[in-house]
Structures are given as structure tokens and as C-alpha cells.
Amino acid sequence: MFRKIARLFVIKTRWEAYMIIYALALGAIERGSVYLTRFPGFGGKLLFLACTGSVFMAGAKILDCLKYEKAERDGEAAQTVQTAPLPEDRREAA
């Protein structure tokens, strides 16, 4: 039961990653607009840019991690195929 719940918090596909990045962006824009009203002028604009910039960095990291994990899974699958024992028929022929 805990595994099923824990699986909900794992990003498995790029589509899930894009949805999470979108949610992060919405929160960052909301926080940035608060900064613009609370700190008018250049300081508020800098804080707004910092909020949105953090989403770009987090999104890039999430997408890179997905690529890395997919390459790792593909590498393990290829390694498993290469090291699998041959059936009895093929050992005699090889």
C-alpha cells in the first residue's frame, strides 16, 4: 500500500515533468507579483526575475534527471540482455 502511495511522488515521464514545471511556474509568478507590490521599483523586479529564473533552473534539472534515469535504465536493460545465459541449443552451435 505504501509503495502505491510512494509511486505517486515519482516523476516517470516528460509529460509529468512538464506538468510539475508548469505548477512551479504558476507559484513563482504568484510569488513574484507579491514581490512587485510589496517592493515597488527595481528591487521588486529583481525578486520577480529571481522567482521565474529559479523555475527555469529547476525545470532544466528535472528534465536532465529524466534523461539520465532513462539512459541508465536502457543501459541496464542492454547489459542484462548481453549477459543472459544462452539456452542449451545455442551453446552447442556457438
PDB file of N, CA and C in Angstrom:
ATOM      1  N   MET A   1       0.816  -1.191   0.000  1.00  0.00           N
ATOM      2  CA  MET A   1       0.000   0.000   0.000  1.00  0.00           C
ATOM      3  C   MET A   1       0.869   1.269   0.000  1.00  0.00           C
ATOM      4  N   PHE A   2       1.947   1.214   0.807  1.00  0.00           N
ATOM      5  CA  PHE A   2       2.838   2.379   0.856  1.00  0.00           C
ATOM      6  C   PHE A   2       3.579   2.575  -0.463  1.00  0.00           C
ATOM      7  N   ARG A   3       3.866   1.473  -1.159  1.00  0.00           N
ATOM      8  CA  ARG A   3       4.546   1.586  -2.448  1.00  0.00           C
ATOM      9  C   ARG A   3       3.660   2.284  -3.468  1.00  0.00           C
ATOM     10  N   LYS A   4       2.378   1.993  -3.438  1.00  0.00           N
ATOM     11  CA  LYS A   4       1.460   2.652  -4.363  1.00  0.00           C
ATOM     12  C   LYS A   4       1.387   4.146  -4.089  1.00  0.00           C
ATOM     13  N   ILE A   5       1.388   4.513  -2.831  1.00  0.00           N
ATOM     14  CA  ILE A   5       1.353   5.932  -2.473  1.00  0.00           C
ATOM     15  C   ILE A   5       2.679   6.594  -2.830  1.00  0.00           C
ATOM     16  N   ALA A   6       3.782   5.916  -2.563  1.00  0.00           N
ATOM     17  CA  ALA A   6       5.095   6.476  -2.866  1.00  0.00           C
ATOM     18  C   ALA A   6       5.284   6.649  -4.370  1.00  0.00           C
ATOM     19  N   ARG A   7       4.675   5.783  -5.162  1.00  0.00           N
ATOM     20  CA  ARG A   7       4.789   5.877  -6.618  1.00  0.00           C
ATOM     21  C   ARG A   7       4.160   7.141  -7.172  1.00  0.00           C
ATOM     22  N   LEU A   8       3.222   7.709  -6.449  1.00  0.00           N
ATOM     23  CA  LEU A   8       2.584   8.948  -6.891  1.00  0.00           C
ATOM     24  C   LEU A   8       3.554  10.124  -6.895  1.00  0.00           C
ATOM     25  N   PHE A   9       4.609  10.047  -6.107  1.00  0.00           N
ATOM     26  CA  PHE A   9       5.544  11.151  -5.962  1.00  0.00           C
ATOM     27  C   PHE A   9       6.808  10.961  -6.797  1.00  0.00           C
ATOM     28  N   VAL A  10       6.784  10.043  -7.739  1.00  0.00           N
ATOM     29  CA  VAL A  10       7.920   9.799  -8.614  1.00  0.00           C
ATOM     30  C   VAL A  10       7.564  10.297 -10.008  1.00  0.00           C
ATOM     31  N   ILE A  11       8.438  11.118 -10.580  1.00  0.00           N
ATOM     32  CA  ILE A  11       8.227  11.633 -11.932  1.00  0.00           C
ATOM     33  C   ILE A  11       8.779  10.601 -12.895  1.00  0.00           C
ATOM     34  N   LYS A  12       7.903  10.037 -13.739  1.00  0.00           N
ATOM     35  CA  LYS A  12       8.313   8.970 -14.632  1.00  0.00           C
ATOM     36  C   LYS A  12       8.388   9.395 -16.095  1.00  0.00           C
ATOM     37  N   THR A  13       7.586  10.353 -16.513  1.00  0.00           N
ATOM     38  CA  THR A  13       7.549  10.731 -17.925  1.00  0.00           C
ATOM     39  C   THR A  13       7.801  12.228 -18.073  1.00  0.00           C
ATOM     40  N   ARG A  14       8.117  12.624 -19.309  1.00  0.00           N
ATOM     41  CA  ARG A  14       8.339  14.041 -19.590  1.00  0.00           C
ATOM     42  C   ARG A  14       7.044  14.826 -19.414  1.00  0.00           C
ATOM     43  N   TRP A  15       5.906  14.210 -19.728  1.00  0.00           N
ATOM     44  CA  TRP A  15       4.630  14.885 -19.580  1.00  0.00           C
ATOM     45  C   TRP A  15       4.392  15.244 -18.113  1.00  0.00           C
ATOM     46  N   GLU A  16       4.677  14.330 -17.205  1.00  0.00           N
ATOM     47  CA  GLU A  16       4.553  14.615 -15.766  1.00  0.00           C
ATOM     48  C   GLU A  16       5.510  15.727 -15.358  1.00  0.00           C
ATOM     49  N   ALA A  17       6.712  15.705 -15.914  1.00  0.00           N
ATOM     50  CA  ALA A  17       7.693  16.742 -15.597  1.00  0.00           C
ATOM     51  C   ALA A  17       7.192  18.106 -16.057  1.00  0.00           C
ATOM     52  N   TYR A  18       6.617  18.166 -17.264  1.00  0.00           N
ATOM     53  CA  TYR A  18       6.096  19.443 -17.767  1.00  0.00           C
ATOM     54  C   TYR A  18       4.960  19.955 -16.894  1.00  0.00           C
ATOM     55  N   MET A  19       4.120  19.072 -16.418  1.00  0.00           N
ATOM     56  CA  MET A  19       3.017  19.498 -15.546  1.00  0.00           C
ATOM     57  C   MET A  19       3.554  20.049 -14.219  1.00  0.00           C
ATOM     58  N   ILE A  20       4.576  19.432 -13.680  1.00  0.00           N
ATOM     59  CA  ILE A  20       5.165  19.916 -12.430  1.00  0.00           C
ATOM     60  C   ILE A  20       5.866  21.249 -12.659  1.00  0.00           C
ATOM     61  N   ILE A  21       6.559  21.386 -13.776  1.00  0.00           N
ATOM     62  CA  ILE A  21       7.230  22.651 -14.084  1.00  0.00           C
ATOM     63  C   ILE A  21       6.192  23.763 -14.251  1.00  0.00           C
ATOM     64  N   TYR A  22       5.075  23.444 -14.886  1.00  0.00           N
ATOM     65  CA  TYR A  22       4.001  24.427 -15.042  1.00  0.00           C
ATOM     66  C   TYR A  22       3.463  24.872 -13.676  1.00  0.00           C
ATOM     67  N   ALA A  23       3.266  23.912 -12.776  1.00  0.00           N
ATOM     68  CA  ALA A  23       2.792  24.263 -11.436  1.00  0.00           C
ATOM     69  C   ALA A  23       3.817  25.118 -10.694  1.00  0.00           C
ATOM     70  N   LEU A  24       5.090  24.792 -10.839  1.00  0.00           N
ATOM     71  CA  LEU A  24       6.140  25.616 -10.226  1.00  0.00           C
ATOM     72  C   LEU A  24       6.122  27.033 -10.793  1.00  0.00           C
ATOM     73  N   ALA A  25       5.907  27.134 -12.106  1.00  0.00           N
ATOM     74  CA  ALA A  25       5.878  28.452 -12.741  1.00  0.00           C
ATOM     75  C   ALA A  25       4.704  29.280 -12.242  1.00  0.00           C
ATOM     76  N   LEU A  26       3.551  28.652 -12.081  1.00  0.00           N
ATOM     77  CA  LEU A  26       2.392  29.392 -11.558  1.00  0.00           C
ATOM     78  C   LEU A  26       2.670  29.930 -10.160  1.00  0.00           C
ATOM     79  N   GLY A  27       3.266  29.098  -9.323  1.00  0.00           N
ATOM     80  CA  GLY A  27       3.600  29.551  -7.970  1.00  0.00           C
ATOM     81  C   GLY A  27       4.643  30.654  -7.972  1.00  0.00           C
ATOM     82  N   ALA A  28       5.614  30.543  -8.867  1.00  0.00           N
ATOM     83  CA  ALA A  28       6.666  31.562  -8.936  1.00  0.00           C
ATOM     84  C   ALA A  28       6.102  32.898  -9.408  1.00  0.00           C
ATOM     85  N   ILE A  29       5.204  32.871 -10.369  1.00  0.00           N
ATOM     86  CA  ILE A  29       4.603  34.110 -10.861  1.00  0.00           C
ATOM     87  C   ILE A  29       3.760  34.751  -9.770  1.00  0.00           C
ATOM     88  N   GLU A  30       3.039  33.926  -9.035  1.00  0.00           N
ATOM     89  CA  GLU A  30       2.223  34.464  -7.933  1.00  0.00           C
ATOM     90  C   GLU A  30       3.118  35.116  -6.876  1.00  0.00           C
ATOM     91  N   ARG A  31       4.186  34.418  -6.515  1.00  0.00           N
ATOM     92  CA  ARG A  31       5.105  34.973  -5.519  1.00  0.00           C
ATOM     93  C   ARG A  31       5.788  36.228  -6.060  1.00  0.00           C
ATOM     94  N   GLY A  32       6.153  36.212  -7.335  1.00  0.00           N
ATOM     95  CA  GLY A  32       6.788  37.376  -7.939  1.00  0.00           C
ATOM     96  C   GLY A  32       5.874  38.587  -7.979  1.00  0.00           C
ATOM     97  N   SER A  33       4.583  38.369  -8.218  1.00  0.00           N
ATOM     98  CA  SER A  33       3.650  39.502  -8.223  1.00  0.00           C
ATOM     99  C   SER A  33       3.500  40.092  -6.825  1.00  0.00           C
ATOM    100  N   VAL A  34       3.603  39.252  -5.812  1.00  0.00           N
ATOM    101  CA  VAL A  34       3.583  39.771  -4.436  1.00  0.00           C
ATOM    102  C   VAL A  34       4.813  40.627  -4.187  1.00  0.00           C
ATOM    103  N   TYR A  35       5.966  40.165  -4.686  1.00  0.00           N
ATOM    104  CA  TYR A  35       7.183  40.959  -4.536  1.00  0.00           C
ATOM    105  C   TYR A  35       7.069  42.307  -5.255  1.00  0.00           C
ATOM    106  N   LEU A  36       6.443  42.314  -6.423  1.00  0.00           N
ATOM    107  CA  LEU A  36       6.298  43.568  -7.168  1.00  0.00           C
ATOM    108  C   LEU A  36       5.449  44.582  -6.411  1.00  0.00           C
ATOM    109  N   THR A  37       4.408  44.107  -5.721  1.00  0.00           N
ATOM    110  CA  THR A  37       3.561  45.050  -4.975  1.00  0.00           C
ATOM    111  C   THR A  37       4.196  45.440  -3.641  1.00  0.00           C
ATOM    112  N   ARG A  38       4.892  44.502  -3.015  1.00  0.00           N
ATOM    113  CA  ARG A  38       5.487  44.795  -1.707  1.00  0.00           C
ATOM    114  C   ARG A  38       6.756  45.632  -1.823  1.00  0.00           C
ATOM    115  N   PHE A  39       7.535  45.367  -2.874  1.00  0.00           N
ATOM    116  CA  PHE A  39       8.782  46.109  -3.092  1.00  0.00           C
ATOM    117  C   PHE A  39       8.724  46.781  -4.456  1.00  0.00           C
ATOM    118  N   PRO A  40       8.086  47.936  -4.560  1.00  0.00           N
ATOM    119  CA  PRO A  40       7.986  48.592  -5.871  1.00  0.00           C
ATOM    120  C   PRO A  40       9.360  49.068  -6.337  1.00  0.00           C
ATOM    121  N   GLY A  41       9.525  49.068  -7.633  1.00  0.00           N
ATOM    122  CA  GLY A  41      10.785  49.545  -8.197  1.00  0.00           C
ATOM    123  C   GLY A  41      11.699  48.418  -8.623  1.00  0.00           C
ATOM    124  N   PHE A  42      12.973  48.741  -8.660  1.00  0.00           N
ATOM    125  CA  PHE A  42      13.982  47.820  -9.180  1.00  0.00           C
ATOM    126  C   PHE A  42      14.127  46.564  -8.318  1.00  0.00           C
ATOM    127  N   GLY A  43      14.029  46.708  -6.999  1.00  0.00           N
ATOM    128  CA  GLY A  43      14.169  45.563  -6.097  1.00  0.00           C
ATOM    129  C   GLY A  43      13.081  44.517  -6.319  1.00  0.00           C
ATOM    130  N   GLY A  44      11.854  44.980  -6.484  1.00  0.00           N
ATOM    131  CA  GLY A  44      10.751  44.056  -6.742  1.00  0.00           C
ATOM    132  C   GLY A  44      10.913  43.328  -8.062  1.00  0.00           C
ATOM    133  N   LYS A  45      11.397  44.066  -9.067  1.00  0.00           N
ATOM    134  CA  LYS A  45      11.613  43.437 -10.377  1.00  0.00           C
ATOM    135  C   LYS A  45      12.722  42.391 -10.310  1.00  0.00           C
ATOM    136  N   LEU A  46      13.770  42.674  -9.542  1.00  0.00           N
ATOM    137  CA  LEU A  46      14.839  41.692  -9.385  1.00  0.00           C
ATOM    138  C   LEU A  46      14.346  40.426  -8.681  1.00  0.00           C
ATOM    139  N   LEU A  47      13.545  40.609  -7.646  1.00  0.00           N
ATOM    140  CA  LEU A  47      12.993  39.448  -6.947  1.00  0.00           C
ATOM    141  C   LEU A  47      12.049  38.658  -7.846  1.00  0.00           C
ATOM    142  N   PHE A  48      11.268  39.361  -8.670  1.00  0.00           N
ATOM    143  CA  PHE A  48      10.383  38.696  -9.619  1.00  0.00           C
ATOM    144  C   PHE A  48      11.196  37.861 -10.608  1.00  0.00           C
ATOM    145  N   LEU A  49      12.278  38.430 -11.119  1.00  0.00           N
ATOM    146  CA  LEU A  49      13.136  37.693 -12.044  1.00  0.00           C
ATOM    147  C   LEU A  49      13.807  36.499 -11.367  1.00  0.00           C
ATOM    148  N   ALA A  50      14.148  36.653 -10.102  1.00  0.00           N
ATOM    149  CA  ALA A  50      14.747  35.535  -9.370  1.00  0.00           C
ATOM    150  C   ALA A  50      13.755  34.381  -9.230  1.00  0.00           C
ATOM    151  N   CYS A  51      12.493  34.716  -8.981  1.00  0.00           N
ATOM    152  CA  CYS A  51      11.462  33.676  -8.864  1.00  0.00           C
ATOM    153  C   CYS A  51      11.292  32.926 -10.174  1.00  0.00           C
ATOM    154  N   THR A  52      11.190  33.660 -11.260  1.00  0.00           N
ATOM    155  CA  THR A  52      10.992  32.998 -12.545  1.00  0.00           C
ATOM    156  C   THR A  52      12.258  32.274 -13.005  1.00  0.00           C
ATOM    157  N   GLY A  53      13.413  32.819 -12.719  1.00  0.00           N
ATOM    158  CA  GLY A  53      14.664  32.160 -13.088  1.00  0.00           C
ATOM    159  C   GLY A  53      14.856  30.838 -12.375  1.00  0.00           C
ATOM    160  N   SER A  54      14.394  30.769 -11.138  1.00  0.00           N
ATOM    161  CA  SER A  54      14.529  29.514 -10.396  1.00  0.00           C
ATOM    162  C   SER A  54      13.699  28.405 -11.035  1.00  0.00           C
ATOM    163  N   VAL A  55      12.570  28.762 -11.636  1.00  0.00           N
ATOM    164  CA  VAL A  55      11.750  27.755 -12.319  1.00  0.00           C
ATOM    165  C   VAL A  55      12.489  27.208 -13.531  1.00  0.00           C
ATOM    166  N   PHE A  56      13.179  28.084 -14.276  1.00  0.00           N
ATOM    167  CA  PHE A  56      13.945  27.617 -15.429  1.00  0.00           C
ATOM    168  C   PHE A  56      15.040  26.645 -14.997  1.00  0.00           C
ATOM    169  N   MET A  57      15.728  26.965 -13.915  1.00  0.00           N
ATOM    170  CA  MET A  57      16.800  26.086 -13.449  1.00  0.00           C
ATOM    171  C   MET A  57      16.252  24.761 -12.937  1.00  0.00           C
ATOM    172  N   ALA A  58      15.158  24.812 -12.169  1.00  0.00           N
ATOM    173  CA  ALA A  58      14.566  23.585 -11.641  1.00  0.00           C
ATOM    174  C   ALA A  58      14.011  22.724 -12.775  1.00  0.00           C
ATOM    175  N   GLY A  59      13.378  23.356 -13.748  1.00  0.00           N
ATOM    176  CA  GLY A  59      12.830  22.607 -14.872  1.00  0.00           C
ATOM    177  C   GLY A  59      13.915  21.920 -15.681  1.00  0.00           C
ATOM    178  N   ALA A  60      15.000  22.616 -15.907  1.00  0.00           N
ATOM    179  CA  ALA A  60      16.111  22.011 -16.644  1.00  0.00           C
ATOM    180  C   ALA A  60      16.688  20.829 -15.878  1.00  0.00           C
ATOM    181  N   LYS A  61      16.799  20.965 -14.574  1.00  0.00           N
ATOM    182  CA  LYS A  61      17.335  19.879 -13.755  1.00  0.00           C
ATOM    183  C   LYS A  61      16.406  18.666 -13.772  1.00  0.00           C
ATOM    184  N   ILE A  62      15.107  18.902 -13.678  1.00  0.00           N
ATOM    185  CA  ILE A  62      14.140  17.799 -13.705  1.00  0.00           C
ATOM    186  C   ILE A  62      14.229  17.055 -15.033  1.00  0.00           C
ATOM    187  N   LEU A  63      14.267  17.792 -16.137  1.00  0.00           N
ATOM    188  CA  LEU A  63      14.320  17.153 -17.453  1.00  0.00           C
ATOM    189  C   LEU A  63      15.646  16.418 -17.669  1.00  0.00           C
ATOM    190  N   ASP A  64      16.752  16.983 -17.178  1.00  0.00           N
ATOM    191  CA  ASP A  64      18.040  16.306 -17.288  1.00  0.00           C
ATOM    192  C   ASP A  64      18.055  15.014 -16.480  1.00  0.00           C
ATOM    193  N   CYS A  65      17.461  15.048 -15.308  1.00  0.00           N
ATOM    194  CA  CYS A  65      17.415  13.846 -14.476  1.00  0.00           C
ATOM    195  C   CYS A  65      16.586  12.753 -15.142  1.00  0.00           C
ATOM    196  N   LEU A  66      15.504  13.138 -15.804  1.00  0.00           N
ATOM    197  CA  LEU A  66      14.706  12.143 -16.522  1.00  0.00           C
ATOM    198  C   LEU A  66      15.518  11.499 -17.641  1.00  0.00           C
ATOM    199  N   LYS A  67      16.282  12.312 -18.378  1.00  0.00           N
ATOM    200  CA  LYS A  67      17.127  11.767 -19.447  1.00  0.00           C
ATOM    201  C   LYS A  67      18.169  10.814 -18.873  1.00  0.00           C
ATOM    202  N   TYR A  68      18.791  11.211 -17.775  1.00  0.00           N
ATOM    203  CA  TYR A  68      19.826  10.392 -17.146  1.00  0.00           C
ATOM    204  C   TYR A  68      19.242   9.071 -16.668  1.00  0.00           C
ATOM    205  N   GLU A  69      18.092   9.115 -16.012  1.00  0.00           N
ATOM    206  CA  GLU A  69      17.473   7.889 -15.500  1.00  0.00           C
ATOM    207  C   GLU A  69      17.048   6.970 -16.635  1.00  0.00           C
ATOM    208  N   LYS A  70      16.550   7.536 -17.736  1.00  0.00           N
ATOM    209  CA  LYS A  70      16.153   6.715 -18.881  1.00  0.00           C
ATOM    210  C   LYS A  70      17.372   6.052 -19.504  1.00  0.00           C
ATOM    211  N   ALA A  71      18.461   6.790 -19.642  1.00  0.00           N
ATOM    212  CA  ALA A  71      19.693   6.214 -20.197  1.00  0.00           C
ATOM    213  C   ALA A  71      20.222   5.109 -19.282  1.00  0.00           C
ATOM    214  N   GLU A  72      20.116   5.314 -17.992  1.00  0.00           N
ATOM    215  CA  GLU A  72      20.577   4.301 -17.039  1.00  0.00           C
ATOM    216  C   GLU A  72      19.730   3.040 -17.137  1.00  0.00           C
ATOM    217  N   ARG A  73      18.406   3.204 -17.237  1.00  0.00           N
ATOM    218  CA  ARG A  73      17.522   2.038 -17.379  1.00  0.00           C
ATOM    219  C   ARG A  73      17.801   1.303 -18.680  1.00  0.00           C
ATOM    220  N   ASP A  74      18.002   2.047 -19.774  1.00  0.00           N
ATOM    221  CA  ASP A  74      18.296   1.424 -21.063  1.00  0.00           C
ATOM    222  C   ASP A  74      19.634   0.690 -21.020  1.00  0.00           C
ATOM    223  N   GLY A  75      20.603   1.267 -20.337  1.00  0.00           N
ATOM    224  CA  GLY A  75      21.909   0.616 -20.198  1.00  0.00           C
ATOM    225  C   GLY A  75      21.825  -0.666 -19.398  1.00  0.00           C
ATOM    226  N   GLU A  76      21.045  -0.653 -18.328  1.00  0.00           N
ATOM    227  CA  GLU A  76      20.876  -1.857 -17.521  1.00  0.00           C
ATOM    228  C   GLU A  76      20.149  -2.929 -18.314  1.00  0.00           C
ATOM    229  N   ALA A  77      19.152  -2.529 -19.100  1.00  0.00           N
ATOM    230  CA  ALA A  77      18.411  -3.499 -19.904  1.00  0.00           C
ATOM    231  C   ALA A  77      19.312  -4.113 -20.960  1.00  0.00           C
ATOM    232  N   ALA A  78      20.158  -3.314 -21.599  1.00  0.00           N
ATOM    233  CA  ALA A  78      21.072  -3.825 -22.613  1.00  0.00           C
ATOM    234  C   ALA A  78      22.114  -4.747 -21.989  1.00  0.00           C
ATOM    235  N   GLN A  79      22.576  -4.399 -20.809  1.00  0.00           N
ATOM    236  CA  GLN A  79      23.563  -5.218 -20.123  1.00  0.00           C
ATOM    237  C   GLN A  79      22.944  -6.553 -19.717  1.00  0.00           C
ATOM    238  N   THR A  80      21.698  -6.542 -19.293  1.00  0.00           N
ATOM    239  CA  THR A  80      21.016  -7.769 -18.906  1.00  0.00           C
ATOM    240  C   THR A  80      20.850  -8.681 -20.108  1.00  0.00           C
ATOM    241  N   VAL A  81      20.538  -8.115 -21.250  1.00  0.00           N
ATOM    242  CA  VAL A  81      20.372  -8.909 -22.464  1.00  0.00           C
ATOM    243  C   VAL A  81      21.705  -9.525 -22.875  1.00  0.00           C
ATOM    244  N   GLN A  82      22.810  -8.794 -22.763  1.00  0.00           N
ATOM    245  CA  GLN A  82      24.111  -9.287 -23.182  1.00  0.00           C
ATOM    246  C   GLN A  82      24.634 -10.385 -22.258  1.00  0.00           C
ATOM    247  N   THR A  83      24.351 -10.299 -20.978  1.00  0.00           N
ATOM    248  CA  THR A  83      24.905 -11.263 -20.033  1.00  0.00           C
ATOM    249  C   THR A  83      23.953 -12.406 -19.745  1.00  0.00           C
ATOM    250  N   ALA A  84      22.827 -12.476 -20.419  1.00  0.00           N
ATOM    251  CA  ALA A  84      21.884 -13.567 -20.196  1.00  0.00           C
ATOM    252  C   ALA A  84      22.497 -14.865 -20.707  1.00  0.00           C
ATOM    253  N   PRO A  85      22.333 -15.952 -19.958  1.00  0.00           N
ATOM    254  CA  PRO A  85      22.913 -17.226 -20.405  1.00  0.00           C
ATOM    255  C   PRO A  85      22.195 -17.736 -21.655  1.00  0.00           C
ATOM    256  N   LEU A  86      22.948 -18.407 -22.490  1.00  0.00           N
ATOM    257  CA  LEU A  86      22.386 -18.964 -23.711  1.00  0.00           C
ATOM    258  C   LEU A  86      21.639 -20.254 -23.393  1.00  0.00           C
ATOM    259  N   PRO A  87      20.578 -20.522 -24.130  1.00  0.00           N
ATOM    260  CA  PRO A  87      19.906 -21.811 -23.951  1.00  0.00           C
ATOM    261  C   PRO A  87      20.827 -22.947 -24.398  1.00  0.00           C
ATOM    262  N   GLU A  88      20.509 -24.161 -24.031  1.00  0.00           N
ATOM    263  CA  GLU A  88      21.335 -25.332 -24.342  1.00  0.00           C
ATOM    264  C   GLU A  88      21.548 -25.492 -25.843  1.00  0.00           C
ATOM    265  N   ASP A  89      20.535 -25.184 -26.658  1.00  0.00           N
ATOM    266  CA  ASP A  89      20.633 -25.349 -28.111  1.00  0.00           C
ATOM    267  C   ASP A  89      21.721 -24.451 -28.673  1.00  0.00           C
ATOM    268  N   ARG A  90      21.788 -23.239 -28.227  1.00  0.00           N
ATOM    269  CA  ARG A  90      22.719 -22.246 -28.790  1.00  0.00           C
ATOM    270  C   ARG A  90      24.144 -22.455 -28.283  1.00  0.00           C
ATOM    271  N   ARG A  91      24.316 -23.030 -27.114  1.00  0.00           N
ATOM    272  CA  ARG A  91      25.677 -23.247 -26.612  1.00  0.00           C
ATOM    273  C   ARG A  91      26.427 -24.212 -27.525  1.00  0.00           C
ATOM    274  N   GLU A  92      25.771 -25.226 -28.000  1.00  0.00           N
ATOM    275  CA  GLU A  92      26.441 -26.199 -28.849  1.00  0.00           C
ATOM    276  C   GLU A  92      26.755 -25.589 -30.214  1.00  0.00           C
ATOM    277  N   ALA A  93      25.843 -24.720 -30.705  1.00  0.00           N
ATOM    278  CA  ALA A  93      26.063 -24.108 -32.005  1.00  0.00           C
ATOM    279  C   ALA A  93      27.129 -23.025 -31.935  1.00  0.00           C
ATOM    280  N   ALA A  94      27.275 -22.361 -30.799  1.00  0.00           N
ATOM    281  CA  ALA A  94      28.243 -21.264 -30.665  1.00  0.00           C
ATOM    282  C   ALA A  94      29.561 -21.836 -30.383  1.00  0.00           C
TER     283      ALA A  94
END
